[in-house]
Amino acid sequence: MRDRLINIIKGNFLINENASGNWSFIIIFLLLSIIMISSSHAVDKKVHNISKLNEEIKSLRSEFVDVRSNLMQYQMESSILIKLNEKGIVSSTHPPNKIIVNVKN
């Protein structure tokens, strides 16, 4: 048992006559490790991107609500009358007259 451990530490399994099988296993292991590390980095990047987009959605939604409430204020008749009074335009005190046109064939 002790000799096996010393041979592993020295790396004899890489230089003996059956080393080609060991090298192929090591190369496959390294390739799979690299693929796993790169995929985990890609997943982390996507998670950060998703959280950034969620924050942007929240910001845009709050901006939308704010703009919509301002628009509702501007559409109210009282605010329109105030703006028109500032420009010197007042509402009529007399109701409009109806014009009737008779067309003869």
PDB file of N, CA and C in Angstrom:
ATOM      1  N   MET A   1       0.820  -1.191   0.000  1.00  0.00           N
ATOM      2  CA  MET A   1       0.000   0.000   0.000  1.00  0.00           C
ATOM      3  C   MET A   1       0.866   1.258   0.000  1.00  0.00           C
ATOM      4  N   ARG A   2       1.906   1.215   0.813  1.00  0.00           N
ATOM      5  CA  ARG A   2       2.808   2.358   0.913  1.00  0.00           C
ATOM      6  C   ARG A   2       3.555   2.571  -0.396  1.00  0.00           C
ATOM      7  N   ASP A   3       3.973   1.479  -1.059  1.00  0.00           N
ATOM      8  CA  ASP A   3       4.685   1.575  -2.335  1.00  0.00           C
ATOM      9  C   ASP A   3       3.788   2.172  -3.418  1.00  0.00           C
ATOM     10  N   ARG A   4       2.516   1.775  -3.437  1.00  0.00           N
ATOM     11  CA  ARG A   4       1.571   2.329  -4.414  1.00  0.00           C
ATOM     12  C   ARG A   4       1.412   3.838  -4.216  1.00  0.00           C
ATOM     13  N   LEU A   5       1.284   4.254  -2.987  1.00  0.00           N
ATOM     14  CA  LEU A   5       1.130   5.669  -2.693  1.00  0.00           C
ATOM     15  C   LEU A   5       2.377   6.452  -3.127  1.00  0.00           C
ATOM     16  N   ILE A   6       3.538   5.909  -2.880  1.00  0.00           N
ATOM     17  CA  ILE A   6       4.788   6.571  -3.280  1.00  0.00           C
ATOM     18  C   ILE A   6       4.892   6.626  -4.801  1.00  0.00           C
ATOM     19  N   ASN A   7       4.481   5.544  -5.496  1.00  0.00           N
ATOM     20  CA  ASN A   7       4.504   5.539  -6.964  1.00  0.00           C
ATOM     21  C   ASN A   7       3.544   6.588  -7.542  1.00  0.00           C
ATOM     22  N   ILE A   8       2.388   6.758  -6.915  1.00  0.00           N
ATOM     23  CA  ILE A   8       1.427   7.769  -7.385  1.00  0.00           C
ATOM     24  C   ILE A   8       2.001   9.159  -7.171  1.00  0.00           C
ATOM     25  N   ILE A   9       2.615   9.393  -6.013  1.00  0.00           N
ATOM     26  CA  ILE A   9       3.192  10.702  -5.724  1.00  0.00           C
ATOM     27  C   ILE A   9       4.348  11.010  -6.675  1.00  0.00           C
ATOM     28  N   LYS A  10       5.153  10.027  -6.989  1.00  0.00           N
ATOM     29  CA  LYS A  10       6.275  10.227  -7.910  1.00  0.00           C
ATOM     30  C   LYS A  10       5.811  10.369  -9.354  1.00  0.00           C
ATOM     31  N   GLY A  11       4.615   9.871  -9.682  1.00  0.00           N
ATOM     32  CA  GLY A  11       4.093   9.954 -11.044  1.00  0.00           C
ATOM     33  C   GLY A  11       4.529   8.797 -11.911  1.00  0.00           C
ATOM     34  N   ASN A  12       4.847   7.673 -11.318  1.00  0.00           N
ATOM     35  CA  ASN A  12       5.268   6.514 -12.100  1.00  0.00           C
ATOM     36  C   ASN A  12       4.162   5.991 -13.012  1.00  0.00           C
ATOM     37  N   PHE A  13       2.909   6.258 -12.674  1.00  0.00           N
ATOM     38  CA  PHE A  13       1.801   5.776 -13.509  1.00  0.00           C
ATOM     39  C   PHE A  13       1.748   6.523 -14.850  1.00  0.00           C
ATOM     40  N   LEU A  14       2.483   7.637 -14.958  1.00  0.00           N
ATOM     41  CA  LEU A  14       2.518   8.387 -16.210  1.00  0.00           C
ATOM     42  C   LEU A  14       3.678   7.980 -17.112  1.00  0.00           C
ATOM     43  N   ILE A  15       4.662   7.264 -16.578  1.00  0.00           N
ATOM     44  CA  ILE A  15       5.838   6.943 -17.390  1.00  0.00           C
ATOM     45  C   ILE A  15       6.037   5.448 -17.601  1.00  0.00           C
ATOM     46  N   ASN A  16       5.210   4.609 -17.013  1.00  0.00           N
ATOM     47  CA  ASN A  16       5.394   3.166 -17.223  1.00  0.00           C
ATOM     48  C   ASN A  16       4.817   2.740 -18.575  1.00  0.00           C
ATOM     49  N   GLU A  17       4.871   1.441 -18.871  1.00  0.00           N
ATOM     50  CA  GLU A  17       4.480   0.951 -20.197  1.00  0.00           C
ATOM     51  C   GLU A  17       2.974   1.049 -20.460  1.00  0.00           C
ATOM     52  N   ASN A  18       2.143   1.151 -19.462  1.00  0.00           N
ATOM     53  CA  ASN A  18       0.686   1.270 -19.638  1.00  0.00           C
ATOM     54  C   ASN A  18       0.226   2.726 -19.498  1.00  0.00           C
ATOM     55  N   ALA A  19       1.123   3.660 -19.736  1.00  0.00           N
ATOM     56  CA  ALA A  19       0.827   5.072 -19.508  1.00  0.00           C
ATOM     57  C   ALA A  19      -0.125   5.666 -20.542  1.00  0.00           C
ATOM     58  N   SER A  20      -0.225   5.085 -21.729  1.00  0.00           N
ATOM     59  CA  SER A  20      -1.078   5.673 -22.767  1.00  0.00           C
ATOM     60  C   SER A  20      -2.548   5.706 -22.320  1.00  0.00           C
ATOM     61  N   GLY A  21      -3.014   4.680 -21.652  1.00  0.00           N
ATOM     62  CA  GLY A  21      -4.384   4.669 -21.130  1.00  0.00           C
ATOM     63  C   GLY A  21      -4.578   5.721 -20.047  1.00  0.00           C
ATOM     64  N   ASN A  22      -3.557   5.886 -19.213  1.00  0.00           N
ATOM     65  CA  ASN A  22      -3.630   6.898 -18.165  1.00  0.00           C
ATOM     66  C   ASN A  22      -3.649   8.311 -18.755  1.00  0.00           C
ATOM     67  N   TRP A  23      -2.819   8.539 -19.780  1.00  0.00           N
ATOM     68  CA  TRP A  23      -2.779   9.857 -20.400  1.00  0.00           C
ATOM     69  C   TRP A  23      -4.103  10.197 -21.076  1.00  0.00           C
ATOM     70  N   SER A  24      -4.700   9.225 -21.747  1.00  0.00           N
ATOM     71  CA  SER A  24      -5.987   9.503 -22.404  1.00  0.00           C
ATOM     72  C   SER A  24      -7.058   9.827 -21.356  1.00  0.00           C
ATOM     73  N   PHE A  25      -7.049   9.113 -20.236  1.00  0.00           N
ATOM     74  CA  PHE A  25      -8.001   9.411 -19.166  1.00  0.00           C
ATOM     75  C   PHE A  25      -7.780  10.819 -18.615  1.00  0.00           C
ATOM     76  N   ILE A  26      -6.527  11.205 -18.426  1.00  0.00           N
ATOM     77  CA  ILE A  26      -6.204  12.529 -17.892  1.00  0.00           C
ATOM     78  C   ILE A  26      -6.631  13.631 -18.866  1.00  0.00           C
ATOM     79  N   ILE A  27      -6.384  13.410 -20.145  1.00  0.00           N
ATOM     80  CA  ILE A  27      -6.762  14.413 -21.154  1.00  0.00           C
ATOM     81  C   ILE A  27      -8.280  14.564 -21.214  1.00  0.00           C
ATOM     82  N   ILE A  28      -9.006  13.460 -21.199  1.00  0.00           N
ATOM     83  CA  ILE A  28     -10.472  13.522 -21.205  1.00  0.00           C
ATOM     84  C   ILE A  28     -10.972  14.222 -19.944  1.00  0.00           C
ATOM     85  N   PHE A  29     -10.363  13.902 -18.823  1.00  0.00           N
ATOM     86  CA  PHE A  29     -10.754  14.545 -17.565  1.00  0.00           C
ATOM     87  C   PHE A  29     -10.520  16.054 -17.619  1.00  0.00           C
ATOM     88  N   LEU A  30      -9.368  16.468 -18.170  1.00  0.00           N
ATOM     89  CA  LEU A  30      -9.071  17.895 -18.285  1.00  0.00           C
ATOM     90  C   LEU A  30     -10.048  18.603 -19.227  1.00  0.00           C
ATOM     91  N   LEU A  31     -10.356  17.983 -20.347  1.00  0.00           N
ATOM     92  CA  LEU A  31     -11.317  18.584 -21.280  1.00  0.00           C
ATOM     93  C   LEU A  31     -12.696  18.750 -20.633  1.00  0.00           C
ATOM     94  N   LEU A  32     -13.153  17.736 -19.945  1.00  0.00           N
ATOM     95  CA  LEU A  32     -14.447  17.830 -19.271  1.00  0.00           C
ATOM     96  C   LEU A  32     -14.426  18.892 -18.174  1.00  0.00           C
ATOM     97  N   SER A  33     -13.305  19.017 -17.486  1.00  0.00           N
ATOM     98  CA  SER A  33     -13.178  20.050 -16.450  1.00  0.00           C
ATOM     99  C   SER A  33     -13.257  21.449 -17.055  1.00  0.00           C
ATOM    100  N   ILE A  34     -12.579  21.644 -18.170  1.00  0.00           N
ATOM    101  CA  ILE A  34     -12.605  22.947 -18.841  1.00  0.00           C
ATOM    102  C   ILE A  34     -14.012  23.276 -19.324  1.00  0.00           C
ATOM    103  N   ILE A  35     -14.705  22.294 -19.896  1.00  0.00           N
ATOM    104  CA  ILE A  35     -16.078  22.503 -20.357  1.00  0.00           C
ATOM    105  C   ILE A  35     -16.983  22.852 -19.181  1.00  0.00           C
ATOM    106  N   MET A  36     -16.830  22.163 -18.071  1.00  0.00           N
ATOM    107  CA  MET A  36     -17.661  22.425 -16.896  1.00  0.00           C
ATOM    108  C   MET A  36     -17.408  23.830 -16.350  1.00  0.00           C
ATOM    109  N   ILE A  37     -16.169  24.241 -16.280  1.00  0.00           N
ATOM    110  CA  ILE A  37     -15.836  25.569 -15.762  1.00  0.00           C
ATOM    111  C   ILE A  37     -16.382  26.659 -16.684  1.00  0.00           C
ATOM    112  N   SER A  38     -16.207  26.478 -17.982  1.00  0.00           N
ATOM    113  CA  SER A  38     -16.701  27.506 -18.916  1.00  0.00           C
ATOM    114  C   SER A  38     -18.225  27.580 -18.904  1.00  0.00           C
ATOM    115  N   SER A  39     -18.902  26.445 -18.785  1.00  0.00           N
ATOM    116  CA  SER A  39     -20.372  26.487 -18.740  1.00  0.00           C
ATOM    117  C   SER A  39     -20.860  27.136 -17.450  1.00  0.00           C
ATOM    118  N   SER A  40     -20.167  26.921 -16.334  1.00  0.00           N
ATOM    119  CA  SER A  40     -20.588  27.570 -15.088  1.00  0.00           C
ATOM    120  C   SER A  40     -20.374  29.079 -15.166  1.00  0.00           C
ATOM    121  N   HIS A  41     -19.303  29.523 -15.836  1.00  0.00           N
ATOM    122  CA  HIS A  41     -19.095  30.957 -16.023  1.00  0.00           C
ATOM    123  C   HIS A  41     -20.178  31.550 -16.922  1.00  0.00           C
ATOM    124  N   ALA A  42     -20.560  30.815 -17.957  1.00  0.00           N
ATOM    125  CA  ALA A  42     -21.619  31.297 -18.850  1.00  0.00           C
ATOM    126  C   ALA A  42     -22.943  31.413 -18.105  1.00  0.00           C
ATOM    127  N   VAL A  43     -23.232  30.461 -17.241  1.00  0.00           N
ATOM    128  CA  VAL A  43     -24.467  30.508 -16.457  1.00  0.00           C
ATOM    129  C   VAL A  43     -24.441  31.696 -15.505  1.00  0.00           C
ATOM    130  N   ASP A  44     -23.313  31.940 -14.866  1.00  0.00           N
ATOM    131  CA  ASP A  44     -23.196  33.098 -13.971  1.00  0.00           C
ATOM    132  C   ASP A  44     -23.423  34.404 -14.723  1.00  0.00           C
ATOM    133  N   LYS A  45     -22.864  34.509 -15.923  1.00  0.00           N
ATOM    134  CA  LYS A  45     -23.038  35.707 -16.731  1.00  0.00           C
ATOM    135  C   LYS A  45     -24.513  35.901 -17.083  1.00  0.00           C
ATOM    136  N   LYS A  46     -25.208  34.816 -17.415  1.00  0.00           N
ATOM    137  CA  LYS A  46     -26.630  34.919 -17.753  1.00  0.00           C
ATOM    138  C   LYS A  46     -27.466  35.301 -16.536  1.00  0.00           C
ATOM    139  N   VAL A  47     -27.120  34.789 -15.379  1.00  0.00           N
ATOM    140  CA  VAL A  47     -27.855  35.132 -14.157  1.00  0.00           C
ATOM    141  C   VAL A  47     -27.702  36.620 -13.850  1.00  0.00           C
ATOM    142  N   HIS A  48     -26.489  37.156 -14.005  1.00  0.00           N
ATOM    143  CA  HIS A  48     -26.265  38.583 -13.774  1.00  0.00           C
ATOM    144  C   HIS A  48     -27.037  39.419 -14.794  1.00  0.00           C
ATOM    145  N   ASN A  49     -27.053  38.957 -16.037  1.00  0.00           N
ATOM    146  CA  ASN A  49     -27.790  39.673 -17.079  1.00  0.00           C
ATOM    147  C   ASN A  49     -29.290  39.676 -16.773  1.00  0.00           C
ATOM    148  N   ILE A  50     -29.825  38.552 -16.310  1.00  0.00           N
ATOM    149  CA  ILE A  50     -31.249  38.462 -15.973  1.00  0.00           C
ATOM    150  C   ILE A  50     -31.581  39.395 -14.826  1.00  0.00           C
ATOM    151  N   SER A  51     -30.751  39.446 -13.809  1.00  0.00           N
ATOM    152  CA  SER A  51     -31.032  40.339 -12.682  1.00  0.00           C
ATOM    153  C   SER A  51     -30.955  41.806 -13.112  1.00  0.00           C
ATOM    154  N   LYS A  52     -30.031  42.124 -13.999  1.00  0.00           N
ATOM    155  CA  LYS A  52     -29.928  43.496 -14.521  1.00  0.00           C
ATOM    156  C   LYS A  52     -31.178  43.861 -15.309  1.00  0.00           C
ATOM    157  N   LEU A  53     -31.664  42.937 -16.127  1.00  0.00           N
ATOM    158  CA  LEU A  53     -32.876  43.193 -16.912  1.00  0.00           C
ATOM    159  C   LEU A  53     -34.104  43.315 -16.019  1.00  0.00           C
ATOM    160  N   ASN A  54     -34.160  42.549 -14.944  1.00  0.00           N
ATOM    161  CA  ASN A  54     -35.285  42.663 -14.009  1.00  0.00           C
ATOM    162  C   ASN A  54     -35.302  44.028 -13.337  1.00  0.00           C
ATOM    163  N   GLU A  55     -34.134  44.534 -12.974  1.00  0.00           N
ATOM    164  CA  GLU A  55     -34.058  45.870 -12.389  1.00  0.00           C
ATOM    165  C   GLU A  55     -34.501  46.927 -13.393  1.00  0.00           C
ATOM    166  N   GLU A  56     -34.111  46.748 -14.645  1.00  0.00           N
ATOM    167  CA  GLU A  56     -34.516  47.690 -15.682  1.00  0.00           C
ATOM    168  C   GLU A  56     -36.027  47.647 -15.899  1.00  0.00           C
ATOM    169  N   ILE A  57     -36.620  46.467 -15.828  1.00  0.00           N
ATOM    170  CA  ILE A  57     -38.072  46.323 -15.959  1.00  0.00           C
ATOM    171  C   ILE A  57     -38.773  47.065 -14.828  1.00  0.00           C
ATOM    172  N   LYS A  58     -38.286  46.911 -13.603  1.00  0.00           N
ATOM    173  CA  LYS A  58     -38.889  47.610 -12.468  1.00  0.00           C
ATOM    174  C   LYS A  58     -38.804  49.118 -12.662  1.00  0.00           C
ATOM    175  N   SER A  59     -37.663  49.596 -13.122  1.00  0.00           N
ATOM    176  CA  SER A  59     -37.475  51.029 -13.340  1.00  0.00           C
ATOM    177  C   SER A  59     -38.429  51.544 -14.416  1.00  0.00           C
ATOM    178  N   LEU A  60     -38.526  50.829 -15.514  1.00  0.00           N
ATOM    179  CA  LEU A  60     -39.404  51.260 -16.603  1.00  0.00           C
ATOM    180  C   LEU A  60     -40.872  51.192 -16.197  1.00  0.00           C
ATOM    181  N   ARG A  61     -41.242  50.198 -15.408  1.00  0.00           N
ATOM    182  CA  ARG A  61     -42.626  50.095 -14.950  1.00  0.00           C
ATOM    183  C   ARG A  61     -42.984  51.274 -14.050  1.00  0.00           C
ATOM    184  N   SER A  62     -42.083  51.655 -13.150  1.00  0.00           N
ATOM    185  CA  SER A  62     -42.366  52.799 -12.278  1.00  0.00           C
ATOM    186  C   SER A  62     -42.422  54.092 -13.088  1.00  0.00           C
ATOM    187  N   GLU A  63     -41.573  54.230 -14.088  1.00  0.00           N
ATOM    188  CA  GLU A  63     -41.616  55.404 -14.955  1.00  0.00           C
ATOM    189  C   GLU A  63     -42.932  55.462 -15.726  1.00  0.00           C
ATOM    190  N   PHE A  64     -43.404  54.307 -16.192  1.00  0.00           N
ATOM    191  CA  PHE A  64     -44.670  54.235 -16.909  1.00  0.00           C
ATOM    192  C   PHE A  64     -45.830  54.683 -16.021  1.00  0.00           C
ATOM    193  N   VAL A  65     -45.855  54.217 -14.785  1.00  0.00           N
ATOM    194  CA  VAL A  65     -46.924  54.594 -13.858  1.00  0.00           C
ATOM    195  C   VAL A  65     -46.889  56.087 -13.587  1.00  0.00           C
ATOM    196  N   ASP A  66     -45.698  56.642 -13.428  1.00  0.00           N
ATOM    197  CA  ASP A  66     -45.548  58.072 -13.173  1.00  0.00           C
ATOM    198  C   ASP A  66     -46.043  58.893 -14.360  1.00  0.00           C
ATOM    199  N   VAL A  67     -45.658  58.522 -15.560  1.00  0.00           N
ATOM    200  CA  VAL A  67     -46.073  59.250 -16.762  1.00  0.00           C
ATOM    201  C   VAL A  67     -47.584  59.130 -16.956  1.00  0.00           C
ATOM    202  N   ARG A  68     -48.133  57.951 -16.710  1.00  0.00           N
ATOM    203  CA  ARG A  68     -49.572  57.759 -16.865  1.00  0.00           C
ATOM    204  C   ARG A  68     -50.350  58.615 -15.871  1.00  0.00           C
ATOM    205  N   SER A  69     -49.883  58.724 -14.630  1.00  0.00           N
ATOM    206  CA  SER A  69     -50.584  59.551 -13.652  1.00  0.00           C
ATOM    207  C   SER A  69     -50.480  61.035 -14.020  1.00  0.00           C
ATOM    208  N   ASN A  70     -49.337  61.476 -14.533  1.00  0.00           N
ATOM    209  CA  ASN A  70     -49.216  62.860 -15.000  1.00  0.00           C
ATOM    210  C   ASN A  70     -50.155  63.138 -16.168  1.00  0.00           C
ATOM    211  N   LEU A  71     -50.269  62.198 -17.073  1.00  0.00           N
ATOM    212  CA  LEU A  71     -51.168  62.356 -18.210  1.00  0.00           C
ATOM    213  C   LEU A  71     -52.620  62.460 -17.751  1.00  0.00           C
ATOM    214  N   MET A  72     -52.984  61.655 -16.762  1.00  0.00           N
ATOM    215  CA  MET A  72     -54.348  61.728 -16.234  1.00  0.00           C
ATOM    216  C   MET A  72     -54.607  63.099 -15.610  1.00  0.00           C
ATOM    217  N   GLN A  73     -53.621  63.683 -14.943  1.00  0.00           N
ATOM    218  CA  GLN A  73     -53.773  65.014 -14.363  1.00  0.00           C
ATOM    219  C   GLN A  73     -53.956  66.062 -15.459  1.00  0.00           C
ATOM    220  N   TYR A  74     -53.175  65.950 -16.545  1.00  0.00           N
ATOM    221  CA  TYR A  74     -53.265  66.927 -17.631  1.00  0.00           C
ATOM    222  C   TYR A  74     -54.573  66.815 -18.395  1.00  0.00           C
ATOM    223  N   GLN A  75     -55.203  65.651 -18.402  1.00  0.00           N
ATOM    224  CA  GLN A  75     -56.445  65.455 -19.144  1.00  0.00           C
ATOM    225  C   GLN A  75     -57.677  65.917 -18.376  1.00  0.00           C
ATOM    226  N   MET A  76     -57.548  66.182 -17.112  1.00  0.00           N
ATOM    227  CA  MET A  76     -58.705  66.605 -16.331  1.00  0.00           C
ATOM    228  C   MET A  76     -59.184  67.980 -16.800  1.00  0.00           C
ATOM    229  N   GLU A  77     -60.508  68.174 -16.814  1.00  0.00           N
ATOM    230  CA  GLU A  77     -61.092  69.417 -17.312  1.00  0.00           C
ATOM    231  C   GLU A  77     -60.645  70.617 -16.482  1.00  0.00           C
ATOM    232  N   SER A  78     -60.523  70.435 -15.193  1.00  0.00           N
ATOM    233  CA  SER A  78     -60.126  71.563 -14.337  1.00  0.00           C
ATOM    234  C   SER A  78     -58.715  72.038 -14.672  1.00  0.00           C
ATOM    235  N   SER A  79     -57.792  71.130 -14.932  1.00  0.00           N
ATOM    236  CA  SER A  79     -56.431  71.563 -15.262  1.00  0.00           C
ATOM    237  C   SER A  79     -56.389  72.213 -16.640  1.00  0.00           C
ATOM    238  N   ILE A  80     -57.232  71.760 -17.557  1.00  0.00           N
ATOM    239  CA  ILE A  80     -57.281  72.383 -18.881  1.00  0.00           C
ATOM    240  C   ILE A  80     -57.827  73.804 -18.764  1.00  0.00           C
ATOM    241  N   LEU A  81     -58.877  73.988 -17.950  1.00  0.00           N
ATOM    242  CA  LEU A  81     -59.437  75.327 -17.757  1.00  0.00           C
ATOM    243  C   LEU A  81     -58.423  76.264 -17.118  1.00  0.00           C
ATOM    244  N   ILE A  82     -57.653  75.800 -16.173  1.00  0.00           N
ATOM    245  CA  ILE A  82     -56.626  76.638 -15.540  1.00  0.00           C
ATOM    246  C   ILE A  82     -55.583  77.066 -16.572  1.00  0.00           C
ATOM    247  N   LYS A  83     -55.145  76.147 -17.418  1.00  0.00           N
ATOM    248  CA  LYS A  83     -54.149  76.479 -18.446  1.00  0.00           C
ATOM    249  C   LYS A  83     -54.712  77.488 -19.446  1.00  0.00           C
ATOM    250  N   LEU A  84     -55.992  77.322 -19.826  1.00  0.00           N
ATOM    251  CA  LEU A  84     -56.599  78.249 -20.769  1.00  0.00           C
ATOM    252  C   LEU A  84     -56.797  79.619 -20.138  1.00  0.00           C
ATOM    253  N   ASN A  85     -57.160  79.679 -18.853  1.00  0.00           N
ATOM    254  CA  ASN A  85     -57.309  80.959 -18.167  1.00  0.00           C
ATOM    255  C   ASN A  85     -55.981  81.691 -18.079  1.00  0.00           C
ATOM    256  N   GLU A  86     -54.885  80.982 -17.937  1.00  0.00           N
ATOM    257  CA  GLU A  86     -53.567  81.611 -17.914  1.00  0.00           C
ATOM    258  C   GLU A  86     -53.250  82.283 -19.239  1.00  0.00           C
ATOM    259  N   LYS A  87     -53.778  81.737 -20.336  1.00  0.00           N
ATOM    260  CA  LYS A  87     -53.532  82.302 -21.667  1.00  0.00           C
ATOM    261  C   LYS A  87     -54.592  83.321 -22.067  1.00  0.00           C
ATOM    262  N   GLY A  88     -55.604  83.553 -21.193  1.00  0.00           N
ATOM    263  CA  GLY A  88     -56.615  84.557 -21.471  1.00  0.00           C
ATOM    264  C   GLY A  88     -57.841  84.013 -22.174  1.00  0.00           C
ATOM    265  N   ILE A  89     -57.954  82.723 -22.297  1.00  0.00           N
ATOM    266  CA  ILE A  89     -59.121  82.121 -22.936  1.00  0.00           C
ATOM    267  C   ILE A  89     -60.062  81.659 -21.832  1.00  0.00           C
ATOM    268  N   VAL A  90     -61.303  82.138 -21.895  1.00  0.00           N
ATOM    269  CA  VAL A  90     -62.279  81.758 -20.873  1.00  0.00           C
ATOM    270  C   VAL A  90     -63.411  80.988 -21.523  1.00  0.00           C
ATOM    271  N   SER A  91     -64.116  80.223 -20.727  1.00  0.00           N
ATOM    272  CA  SER A  91     -65.239  79.462 -21.274  1.00  0.00           C
ATOM    273  C   SER A  91     -66.418  80.395 -21.478  1.00  0.00           C
ATOM    274  N   SER A  92     -67.247  80.088 -22.422  1.00  0.00           N
ATOM    275  CA  SER A  92     -68.391  80.920 -22.791  1.00  0.00           C
ATOM    276  C   SER A  92     -69.473  80.829 -21.724  1.00  0.00           C
ATOM    277  N   THR A  93     -70.142  81.973 -21.486  1.00  0.00           N
ATOM    278  CA  THR A  93     -71.255  81.962 -20.533  1.00  0.00           C
ATOM    279  C   THR A  93     -72.576  81.674 -21.238  1.00  0.00           C
ATOM    280  N   HIS A  94     -72.605  81.839 -22.569  1.00  0.00           N
ATOM    281  CA  HIS A  94     -73.816  81.562 -23.348  1.00  0.00           C
ATOM    282  C   HIS A  94     -73.670  80.202 -24.030  1.00  0.00           C
ATOM    283  N   PRO A  95     -74.744  79.423 -24.051  1.00  0.00           N
ATOM    284  CA  PRO A  95     -74.653  78.152 -24.747  1.00  0.00           C
ATOM    285  C   PRO A  95     -74.543  78.371 -26.263  1.00  0.00           C
ATOM    286  N   PRO A  96     -73.976  77.407 -26.961  1.00  0.00           N
ATOM    287  CA  PRO A  96     -73.824  77.571 -28.411  1.00  0.00           C
ATOM    288  C   PRO A  96     -75.180  77.523 -29.114  1.00  0.00           C
ATOM    289  N   ASN A  97     -75.271  78.215 -30.243  1.00  0.00           N
ATOM    290  CA  ASN A  97     -76.487  78.201 -31.055  1.00  0.00           C
ATOM    291  C   ASN A  97     -76.392  77.088 -32.078  1.00  0.00           C
ATOM    292  N   LYS A  98     -77.497  76.468 -32.328  1.00  0.00           N
ATOM    293  CA  LYS A  98     -77.533  75.384 -33.305  1.00  0.00           C
ATOM    294  C   LYS A  98     -77.915  75.969 -34.653  1.00  0.00           C
ATOM    295  N   ILE A  99     -77.138  75.678 -35.645  1.00  0.00           N
ATOM    296  CA  ILE A  99     -77.385  76.191 -36.998  1.00  0.00           C
ATOM    297  C   ILE A  99     -78.043  75.061 -37.785  1.00  0.00           C
ATOM    298  N   ILE A 100     -79.205  75.359 -38.355  1.00  0.00           N
ATOM    299  CA  ILE A 100     -79.933  74.375 -39.153  1.00  0.00           C
ATOM    300  C   ILE A 100     -79.909  74.823 -40.605  1.00  0.00           C
ATOM    301  N   VAL A 101     -79.496  73.954 -41.460  1.00  0.00           N
ATOM    302  CA  VAL A 101     -79.430  74.255 -42.884  1.00  0.00           C
ATOM    303  C   VAL A 101     -80.460  73.394 -43.584  1.00  0.00           C
ATOM    304  N   ASN A 102     -81.356  74.033 -44.309  1.00  0.00           N
ATOM    305  CA  ASN A 102     -82.375  73.307 -45.100  1.00  0.00           C
ATOM    306  C   ASN A 102     -81.879  73.182 -46.530  1.00  0.00           C
ATOM    307  N   VAL A 103     -81.789  71.985 -46.977  1.00  0.00           N
ATOM    308  CA  VAL A 103     -81.329  71.723 -48.331  1.00  0.00           C
ATOM    309  C   VAL A 103     -82.536  71.282 -49.138  1.00  0.00           C
ATOM    310  N   LYS A 104     -82.843  71.968 -50.231  1.00  0.00           N
ATOM    311  CA  LYS A 104     -83.973  71.625 -51.111  1.00  0.00           C
ATOM    312  C   LYS A 104     -83.437  70.914 -52.338  1.00  0.00           C
ATOM    313  N   ASN A 105     -84.099  69.804 -52.644  1.00  0.00           N
ATOM    314  CA  ASN A 105     -83.667  69.024 -53.805  1.00  0.00           C
ATOM    315  C   ASN A 105     -84.326  69.490 -55.071  1.00  0.00           C
TER     316      ASN A 105
END
